[in-house]
Amino acid sequence: MVLITGITGFVGQNLSAYLSDAYRIKGISRVSSDANLSYADFFEGNPSFDAIVHLAGKAHDLKKTSNDSDYYEANFELTQKLYDQFLQSDAQTFIYISSVKAVADTVTGVLTEDAVANPITVYGKSKKMAEDYILAHLPSDKKVYILRPCMIHGPGNKGNLNLLYSLVSKGVPYPLGAYANNRSFLSIENLCFIIDHLLKKDIPSAVFNVADDVPLSTNEVIALVSESLGKKAKIIALPKAIIRVVAQVGDILPLPINSEKLQKLTENYVVSTAKIKSALGISLPVSSRAGLLNTFNSFRNS
């Protein structure tokens, strides 16, 4: 039996469906109003767990309305409680879904597992605290894996890709064509595929980055949105100097773009997955383009 925390979330729903043919699944979701949530009852009532996949936590708040304590409680304290229960249980495998943001908010070159962690946001710091606790208490007789995914997407996903899709579907031209960047994405199917293999295979405990094989530029993502809509991509290469001035004004006035959004849309964030593919001896089943097209097609169908 596999225990999945956060089973009602985007990743949890997809993972439970993906694993349901091969495993018995037990799910638990965090109730935000219960500050003292403990996972102990699930172990006491279900002593036969073979593995735990810990998804539950607080995601990065794009609207910045959350308190710092919310992140530490959800991402560190609850992870600590669950992991302590795992160590005392008969379960043999623990998979913690962390984030690349536990290591770096910006990337120069390619992010590998050897990079020195320097998280900037409270979200990244809370994820790193959970990682540190787990790594400081690794058991010799069990398997523990920390996964650091980049931006996860797929049918049912609600995030920044929805915003890009909405703009393109309305015929709004993308004005940042002058920026050539590369970003790693992660199809939900590839993530589920990797978790499934970690549950099946016997490899040593480790920390792994998780991403699709090929990074894509934002211009390429816009083109894929247009392709899913059967439209010609409208990409305009406005001068960068003009864009920067508009973004600075957006820092003061409520414009569609500001300095933070400009950085997110145009920065490089490339993640290496060589380590996990080598450890598991796998090739990912879904290409970067196919995964994003599947996501965008789901937006259209919904």
Protein backbone atom coordinates (compact mmCIF):
# COMPACT_ATOMS: atom_id res chain seq x y z
CA MET A 1 0.00 0.00 0.00
CA VAL A 2 1.20 3.49 -0.87
CA LEU A 3 0.29 6.52 1.23
CA ILE A 4 0.02 9.75 -0.79
CA THR A 5 -0.25 13.00 1.13
CA GLY A 6 -1.89 15.90 -0.69
CA ILE A 7 -3.87 13.44 -2.77
CA THR A 8 -6.58 15.94 -3.73
CA GLY A 9 -4.10 18.37 -5.29
CA PHE A 10 -3.09 18.53 -8.94
CA VAL A 11 -0.11 16.18 -8.60
CA GLY A 12 -1.88 13.96 -6.07
CA GLN A 13 -4.88 13.31 -8.30
CA ASN A 14 -2.71 12.48 -11.29
CA LEU A 15 -0.32 10.30 -9.30
CA SER A 16 -3.06 8.29 -7.58
CA ALA A 17 -4.67 7.60 -10.97
CA TYR A 18 -1.30 6.64 -12.48
CA LEU A 19 -0.41 4.21 -9.69
CA SER A 20 -3.87 2.78 -8.98
CA ASP A 21 -3.54 -0.22 -11.32
CA ALA A 22 -0.37 -1.46 -9.63
CA TYR A 23 -0.80 -0.36 -6.00
CA ARG A 24 -3.38 0.05 -3.29
CA ILE A 25 -3.54 3.77 -2.59
CA LYS A 26 -4.36 5.55 0.66
CA GLY A 27 -4.66 9.31 0.58
CA ILE A 28 -4.58 12.17 3.02
CA SER A 29 -4.89 15.90 2.44
CA ARG A 30 -3.83 18.72 4.70
CA VAL A 31 -6.69 20.72 6.18
CA SER A 32 -5.50 24.32 6.30
CA SER A 33 -7.58 25.13 9.38
CA ASP A 34 -5.94 22.37 11.42
CA ALA A 35 -2.62 23.82 12.56
CA ASN A 36 -1.80 20.70 14.59
CA LEU A 37 -2.36 18.15 11.87
CA SER A 38 -0.57 14.90 12.60
CA TYR A 39 -0.19 11.85 10.39
CA ALA A 40 0.11 9.47 13.33
CA ASP A 41 -3.43 8.11 13.09
CA PHE A 42 -2.83 6.89 9.57
CA PHE A 43 0.12 4.77 10.63
CA GLU A 44 -1.65 3.40 13.68
CA GLY A 45 -4.72 2.45 11.67
CA ASN A 46 -2.85 1.27 8.57
CA PRO A 47 0.33 -0.53 9.64
CA SER A 48 0.91 -2.11 6.24
CA PHE A 49 2.15 0.91 4.26
CA ASP A 50 4.99 -0.06 1.94
CA ALA A 51 5.80 3.45 0.77
CA ILE A 52 4.95 7.10 1.33
CA VAL A 53 4.88 9.83 -1.31
CA HIS A 54 4.77 13.19 0.45
CA LEU A 55 3.21 15.83 -1.80
CA ALA A 56 1.30 17.88 0.76
CA GLY A 57 2.58 21.37 1.46
CA LYS A 58 2.10 25.01 0.67
CA ALA A 59 2.91 26.06 -2.88
CA HIS A 60 4.54 29.32 -3.85
CA ASP A 61 1.97 32.10 -3.38
CA LEU A 62 2.05 34.27 -6.49
CA LYS A 63 -0.32 36.79 -4.88
CA LYS A 64 1.97 37.13 -1.82
CA THR A 65 -0.85 37.02 0.71
CA SER A 66 0.57 34.24 2.90
CA ASN A 67 2.45 34.59 6.16
CA ASP A 68 5.96 33.17 6.44
CA SER A 69 4.78 30.91 9.25
CA ASP A 70 2.31 29.23 6.89
CA TYR A 71 5.18 27.96 4.75
CA TYR A 72 7.27 26.71 7.65
CA GLU A 73 4.30 24.91 9.19
CA ALA A 74 3.14 23.24 5.98
CA ASN A 75 6.46 22.53 4.28
CA PHE A 76 8.81 21.91 7.19
CA GLU A 77 6.95 21.08 10.42
CA LEU A 78 4.41 18.72 8.86
CA THR A 79 7.10 17.05 6.78
CA GLN A 80 9.13 16.54 9.95
CA LYS A 81 6.15 14.94 11.70
CA LEU A 82 5.41 12.64 8.79
CA TYR A 83 9.04 11.64 8.32
CA ASP A 84 9.41 10.81 12.02
CA GLN A 85 6.37 8.56 11.72
CA PHE A 86 7.88 6.91 8.64
CA LEU A 87 11.10 6.14 10.53
CA GLN A 88 9.11 4.38 13.25
CA SER A 89 6.86 2.50 10.81
CA ASP A 90 7.32 -0.62 8.68
CA ALA A 91 7.20 1.44 5.47
CA GLN A 92 10.38 0.98 3.42
CA THR A 93 10.30 3.89 0.96
CA PHE A 94 9.82 7.62 1.47
CA ILE A 95 9.60 10.03 -1.48
CA TYR A 96 9.57 13.73 -0.67
CA ILE A 97 8.52 16.16 -3.37
CA SER A 98 10.62 19.24 -2.77
CA SER A 99 11.39 21.88 -5.44
CA VAL A 100 14.26 23.26 -7.46
CA LYS A 101 13.48 26.51 -5.60
CA ALA A 102 14.93 24.86 -2.49
CA VAL A 103 18.28 25.37 -4.23
CA ALA A 104 18.08 28.42 -6.48
CA ASP A 105 15.63 31.09 -7.59
CA THR A 106 17.82 31.99 -10.55
CA VAL A 107 20.15 29.72 -12.49
CA THR A 108 23.35 30.44 -14.38
CA GLY A 109 24.17 27.59 -16.72
CA VAL A 110 22.55 24.28 -15.79
CA LEU A 111 21.28 23.41 -12.31
CA THR A 112 22.62 20.09 -11.01
CA GLU A 113 22.19 18.33 -7.70
CA ASP A 114 25.71 19.42 -6.71
CA ALA A 115 24.80 23.12 -6.70
CA VAL A 116 25.21 24.91 -3.36
CA ALA A 117 21.72 25.72 -2.11
CA ASN A 118 20.85 29.38 -1.70
CA PRO A 119 17.06 29.68 -1.61
CA ILE A 120 15.76 33.26 -1.53
CA THR A 121 12.03 32.96 -0.97
CA VAL A 122 10.40 31.70 2.22
CA TYR A 123 8.87 28.93 0.09
CA GLY A 124 12.30 27.75 -1.04
CA LYS A 125 13.76 28.10 2.44
CA SER A 126 10.96 26.02 4.01
CA LYS A 127 11.47 23.28 1.41
CA LYS A 128 15.22 23.30 2.06
CA MET A 129 14.65 23.00 5.81
CA ALA A 130 12.58 19.88 5.20
CA GLU A 131 15.29 18.47 2.93
CA ASP A 132 17.97 19.13 5.55
CA TYR A 133 15.97 17.38 8.25
CA ILE A 134 15.42 14.33 6.09
CA LEU A 135 19.06 14.13 5.01
CA ALA A 136 20.21 14.45 8.62
CA HIS A 137 18.14 11.39 9.59
CA LEU A 138 18.67 8.93 6.75
CA PRO A 139 18.00 5.33 7.85
CA SER A 140 20.35 2.58 6.76
CA ASP A 141 17.57 0.03 6.26
CA LYS A 142 15.11 2.12 4.21
CA LYS A 143 15.09 4.08 0.94
CA VAL A 144 14.56 7.84 0.96
CA TYR A 145 14.35 9.98 -2.17
CA ILE A 146 14.09 13.75 -2.40
CA LEU A 147 12.77 14.96 -5.76
CA ARG A 148 13.27 18.54 -6.91
CA PRO A 149 10.84 19.18 -9.77
CA CYS A 150 10.76 22.36 -11.81
CA MET A 151 7.47 23.83 -13.11
CA ILE A 152 4.99 20.92 -13.25
CA HIS A 153 2.21 21.07 -15.81
CA GLY A 154 -0.53 18.88 -17.22
CA PRO A 155 -4.29 18.61 -17.64
CA GLY A 156 -6.04 20.26 -14.70
CA ASN A 157 -3.05 22.46 -13.87
CA LYS A 158 -3.80 26.03 -12.78
CA GLY A 159 -0.76 28.25 -12.94
CA ASN A 160 1.28 30.63 -15.06
CA LEU A 161 0.80 28.54 -18.20
CA ASN A 162 -2.94 29.21 -17.96
CA LEU A 163 -2.22 32.94 -18.08
CA LEU A 164 -0.11 32.60 -21.22
CA TYR A 165 -2.78 30.43 -22.80
CA SER A 166 -5.48 32.96 -21.97
CA LEU A 167 -3.53 35.82 -23.55
CA VAL A 168 -2.77 33.90 -26.75
CA SER A 169 -6.34 32.62 -27.06
CA LYS A 170 -7.57 36.23 -26.92
CA GLY A 171 -5.25 37.19 -29.76
CA VAL A 172 -2.97 39.33 -27.59
CA PRO A 173 0.51 39.54 -29.21
CA TYR A 174 3.44 38.43 -27.06
CA PRO A 175 5.74 41.48 -26.91
CA LEU A 176 8.91 39.88 -25.50
CA GLY A 177 10.15 38.11 -28.61
CA ALA A 178 13.52 39.87 -28.38
CA TYR A 179 14.42 37.76 -25.35
CA ALA A 180 16.01 34.37 -26.05
CA ASN A 181 15.80 32.23 -22.94
CA ASN A 182 15.61 28.55 -22.01
CA ARG A 183 13.47 27.06 -19.26
CA SER A 184 12.94 23.52 -18.06
CA PHE A 185 9.40 22.24 -17.58
CA LEU A 186 8.05 18.97 -16.20
CA SER A 187 5.12 17.04 -17.60
CA ILE A 188 2.98 15.45 -14.90
CA GLU A 189 3.20 12.15 -16.79
CA ASN A 190 7.00 12.18 -16.61
CA LEU A 191 6.87 12.93 -12.88
CA CYS A 192 4.45 10.06 -12.26
CA PHE A 193 6.61 7.77 -14.42
CA ILE A 194 9.68 8.58 -12.30
CA ILE A 195 7.88 8.09 -8.99
CA ASP A 196 6.56 4.74 -10.21
CA HIS A 197 10.09 3.62 -11.07
CA LEU A 198 11.43 4.75 -7.72
CA LEU A 199 8.79 2.60 -6.02
CA LYS A 200 9.70 -0.42 -8.15
CA LYS A 201 13.49 -0.24 -8.30
CA ASP A 202 16.07 -0.72 -5.57
CA ILE A 203 18.52 2.18 -5.77
CA PRO A 204 20.30 4.00 -2.92
CA SER A 205 18.71 6.99 -1.19
CA ALA A 206 19.47 10.21 -3.03
CA VAL A 207 18.42 13.71 -4.08
CA PHE A 208 17.29 14.07 -7.69
CA ASN A 209 16.30 16.92 -9.98
CA VAL A 210 13.26 16.20 -12.14
CA ALA A 211 12.46 17.87 -15.46
CA ASP A 212 11.60 17.10 -19.07
CA ASP A 213 14.54 16.39 -21.37
CA VAL A 214 14.64 19.57 -23.46
CA PRO A 215 14.32 23.12 -22.14
CA LEU A 216 12.19 25.52 -24.20
CA SER A 217 12.16 29.27 -24.64
CA THR A 218 9.10 31.32 -23.76
CA ASN A 219 8.79 32.11 -27.48
CA GLU A 220 8.61 28.37 -28.19
CA VAL A 221 5.96 27.96 -25.48
CA ILE A 222 3.90 30.76 -27.06
CA ALA A 223 4.24 29.02 -30.43
CA LEU A 224 2.99 25.75 -28.87
CA VAL A 225 -0.02 27.53 -27.37
CA SER A 226 -0.81 28.94 -30.80
CA GLU A 227 -0.38 25.50 -32.38
CA SER A 228 -2.84 23.98 -29.91
CA LEU A 229 -5.34 26.70 -30.84
CA GLY A 230 -4.78 26.30 -34.57
CA LYS A 231 -3.53 29.88 -34.76
CA LYS A 232 -0.42 31.59 -36.05
CA ALA A 233 1.83 32.73 -33.23
CA LYS A 234 1.85 36.51 -32.68
CA ILE A 235 5.28 37.31 -31.28
CA ILE A 236 6.59 40.87 -31.36
CA ALA A 237 10.22 41.73 -30.62
CA LEU A 238 9.91 45.13 -28.95
CA PRO A 239 13.24 46.73 -28.03
CA LYS A 240 14.46 45.54 -24.64
CA ALA A 241 15.10 49.12 -23.49
CA ILE A 242 11.43 49.97 -23.98
CA ILE A 243 10.32 46.79 -22.23
CA ARG A 244 12.51 47.56 -19.22
CA VAL A 245 11.06 51.06 -18.90
CA VAL A 246 7.50 49.72 -19.10
CA ALA A 247 8.31 47.09 -16.46
CA GLN A 248 9.72 49.76 -14.13
CA VAL A 249 6.52 51.77 -14.53
CA GLY A 250 4.63 48.54 -13.80
CA ASP A 251 6.42 48.35 -10.46
CA ILE A 252 4.50 51.50 -9.50
CA LEU A 253 1.30 51.35 -11.53
CA PRO A 254 -0.98 48.31 -12.10
CA LEU A 255 0.28 47.40 -15.57
CA PRO A 256 0.19 43.86 -17.06
CA ILE A 257 3.96 43.61 -16.64
CA ASN A 258 6.43 44.64 -13.96
CA SER A 259 10.07 43.86 -13.24
CA GLU A 260 9.29 40.57 -11.47
CA LYS A 261 7.01 39.28 -14.23
CA LEU A 262 9.55 40.33 -16.86
CA GLN A 263 12.24 38.31 -15.12
CA LYS A 264 10.02 35.24 -14.81
CA LEU A 265 9.08 35.34 -18.49
CA THR A 266 12.57 35.93 -19.85
CA GLU A 267 15.04 34.30 -17.44
CA ASN A 268 16.95 31.09 -18.02
CA TYR A 269 16.22 28.18 -15.69
CA VAL A 270 17.65 24.95 -17.06
CA VAL A 271 17.65 21.82 -14.89
CA SER A 272 19.77 18.71 -15.43
CA THR A 273 18.11 15.30 -15.04
CA ALA A 274 21.15 13.22 -15.97
CA LYS A 275 21.51 11.86 -12.43
CA ILE A 276 18.05 10.34 -12.06
CA LYS A 277 17.91 8.97 -15.60
CA SER A 278 21.26 7.28 -15.05
CA ALA A 279 20.30 5.92 -11.62
CA LEU A 280 17.03 4.44 -12.87
CA GLY A 281 18.25 3.52 -16.35
CA ILE A 282 15.29 5.21 -18.00
CA SER A 283 14.26 7.45 -20.85
CA LEU A 284 11.35 9.75 -20.19
CA PRO A 285 8.16 8.77 -22.04
CA VAL A 286 6.91 12.28 -22.90
CA SER A 287 8.89 14.91 -24.80
CA SER A 288 8.89 18.52 -23.70
CA ARG A 289 6.86 19.63 -26.71
CA ALA A 290 4.35 16.77 -26.51
CA GLY A 291 3.80 17.34 -22.81
CA LEU A 292 3.12 21.06 -23.21
CA LEU A 293 0.83 20.47 -26.19
CA ASN A 294 -1.14 17.98 -24.11
CA THR A 295 -1.48 20.59 -21.36
CA PHE A 296 -2.58 23.32 -23.75
CA ASN A 297 -5.03 21.01 -25.51
CA SER A 298 -6.61 20.27 -22.12
CA PHE A 299 -7.10 24.01 -21.56
CA ARG A 300 -8.97 24.23 -24.85
CA ASN A 301 -11.14 21.23 -24.10
CA SER A 302 -12.07 22.58 -20.68
